[in-house]
């Protein structure tokens, strides 16, 4: 999986907006608290942005969306685990939160 980049901030912001998720990073939030809140809301609303989420994960993995669409449950869980373990995830979601709060 490639590292998260600046362009991903906007992609995730658009996905979360389509899913109607308003994620607000609060100073001092632990990675566990942030992950729990985000992934619960994400799973509850993933159907609202299925195509966009698939494209985003495909881009992270460097494959076509059709490859991600064929993932087994085990492969999907591994993909999510890999994302959750990324070193700069907390900083990334802080940027996403700021980006979403600046949108009209």
Protein backbone atom coordinates (compact mmCIF):
# COMPACT_ATOMS: atom_id res chain seq x y z
CA UNK A 1 0.00 0.00 0.00
CA UNK A 2 1.37 3.41 -0.89
CA UNK A 3 1.67 6.22 1.63
CA UNK A 4 -1.19 8.66 2.05
CA UNK A 5 -0.63 11.91 0.17
CA UNK A 6 -2.05 15.41 -0.07
CA UNK A 7 -4.48 14.43 -2.86
CA UNK A 8 -5.93 11.76 -0.57
CA UNK A 9 -7.10 14.43 1.88
CA UNK A 10 -9.52 15.74 -0.73
CA UNK A 11 -10.58 12.30 -1.95
CA UNK A 12 -11.43 11.18 1.59
CA UNK A 13 -13.12 14.49 2.35
CA UNK A 14 -15.40 14.03 -0.69
CA UNK A 15 -16.14 10.42 0.28
CA UNK A 16 -17.02 11.36 3.87
CA UNK A 17 -19.18 14.24 2.66
CA UNK A 18 -21.08 11.91 0.34
CA UNK A 19 -21.48 9.50 3.26
CA UNK A 20 -22.66 12.44 5.39
CA UNK A 21 -19.95 11.81 7.98
CA UNK A 22 -18.66 14.86 9.82
CA UNK A 23 -15.44 13.74 11.42
CA UNK A 24 -14.02 16.17 13.93
CA UNK A 25 -10.57 15.42 15.25
CA UNK A 26 -10.27 16.64 18.82
CA UNK A 27 -6.91 17.51 20.36
CA UNK A 28 -5.72 14.69 22.56
CA UNK A 29 -7.82 11.98 20.88
CA UNK A 30 -6.06 8.66 21.01
CA UNK A 31 -5.59 6.66 17.84
CA UNK A 32 -7.96 4.06 19.26
CA UNK A 33 -10.71 6.61 19.97
CA UNK A 34 -10.30 8.19 16.56
CA UNK A 35 -10.30 4.84 14.81
CA UNK A 36 -13.33 3.55 16.67
CA UNK A 37 -15.44 6.64 15.97
CA UNK A 38 -14.40 6.85 12.36
CA UNK A 39 -14.72 3.18 11.42
CA UNK A 40 -18.11 2.82 13.11
CA UNK A 41 -19.52 5.74 11.12
CA UNK A 42 -17.69 4.59 7.99
CA UNK A 43 -19.12 1.06 8.10
CA UNK A 44 -22.63 2.35 8.83
CA UNK A 45 -22.55 4.59 5.74
CA UNK A 46 -20.22 2.84 3.30
CA UNK A 47 -23.05 1.99 0.90
CA UNK A 48 -23.55 5.69 0.18
CA UNK A 49 -20.15 5.93 -1.54
CA UNK A 50 -19.37 2.38 -2.65
CA UNK A 51 -17.81 3.39 -5.99
CA UNK A 52 -15.70 6.16 -4.50
CA UNK A 53 -14.44 4.01 -1.62
CA UNK A 54 -13.54 1.20 -4.02
CA UNK A 55 -11.63 3.62 -6.27
CA UNK A 56 -9.81 5.11 -3.28
CA UNK A 57 -8.68 1.72 -1.96
CA UNK A 58 -7.69 0.63 -5.47
CA UNK A 59 -5.56 3.75 -5.83
CA UNK A 60 -3.87 3.10 -2.48
CA UNK A 61 -3.07 -0.47 -3.51
CA UNK A 62 -2.05 0.47 -7.07
CA UNK A 63 -4.65 -1.78 -8.69
CA UNK A 64 -7.84 -1.33 -10.70
CA UNK A 65 -11.15 -1.05 -8.82
CA UNK A 66 -12.24 -4.41 -10.28
CA UNK A 67 -9.47 -6.09 -8.27
CA UNK A 68 -10.75 -4.59 -5.00
CA UNK A 69 -14.33 -5.55 -5.89
CA UNK A 70 -13.25 -9.20 -6.00
CA UNK A 71 -11.57 -9.17 -2.57
CA UNK A 72 -12.70 -11.82 -0.14
CA UNK A 73 -13.77 -10.77 3.34
CA UNK A 74 -10.35 -11.82 4.65
CA UNK A 75 -8.58 -9.65 2.04
CA UNK A 76 -10.89 -6.73 2.81
CA UNK A 77 -10.18 -6.96 6.53
CA UNK A 78 -6.43 -7.11 5.81
CA UNK A 79 -6.75 -3.98 3.65
CA UNK A 80 -8.54 -2.12 6.43
CA UNK A 81 -5.98 -3.33 8.98
CA UNK A 82 -3.17 -2.15 6.73
CA UNK A 83 -4.78 1.28 6.44
CA UNK A 84 -5.33 1.54 10.21
CA UNK A 85 -1.67 0.76 10.85
CA UNK A 86 -0.32 3.54 8.62
CA UNK A 87 2.11 5.69 10.64
CA UNK A 88 0.70 9.12 9.77
CA UNK A 89 -2.99 8.23 9.95
CA UNK A 90 -3.76 10.56 12.87
CA UNK A 91 -2.18 13.56 11.12
CA UNK A 92 -3.97 12.61 7.92
CA UNK A 93 -7.40 12.62 9.57
CA UNK A 94 -6.61 15.91 11.23
CA UNK A 95 -6.06 17.39 7.75
CA UNK A 96 -9.24 15.75 6.45
CA UNK A 97 -11.21 17.22 9.35
CA UNK A 98 -9.81 20.69 8.67
CA UNK A 99 -10.57 20.33 4.97
CA UNK A 100 -14.17 19.32 5.63
CA UNK A 101 -14.69 22.19 8.05
CA UNK A 102 -13.56 24.66 5.38
CA UNK A 103 -16.02 23.42 2.76
CA UNK A 104 -19.32 25.34 2.47
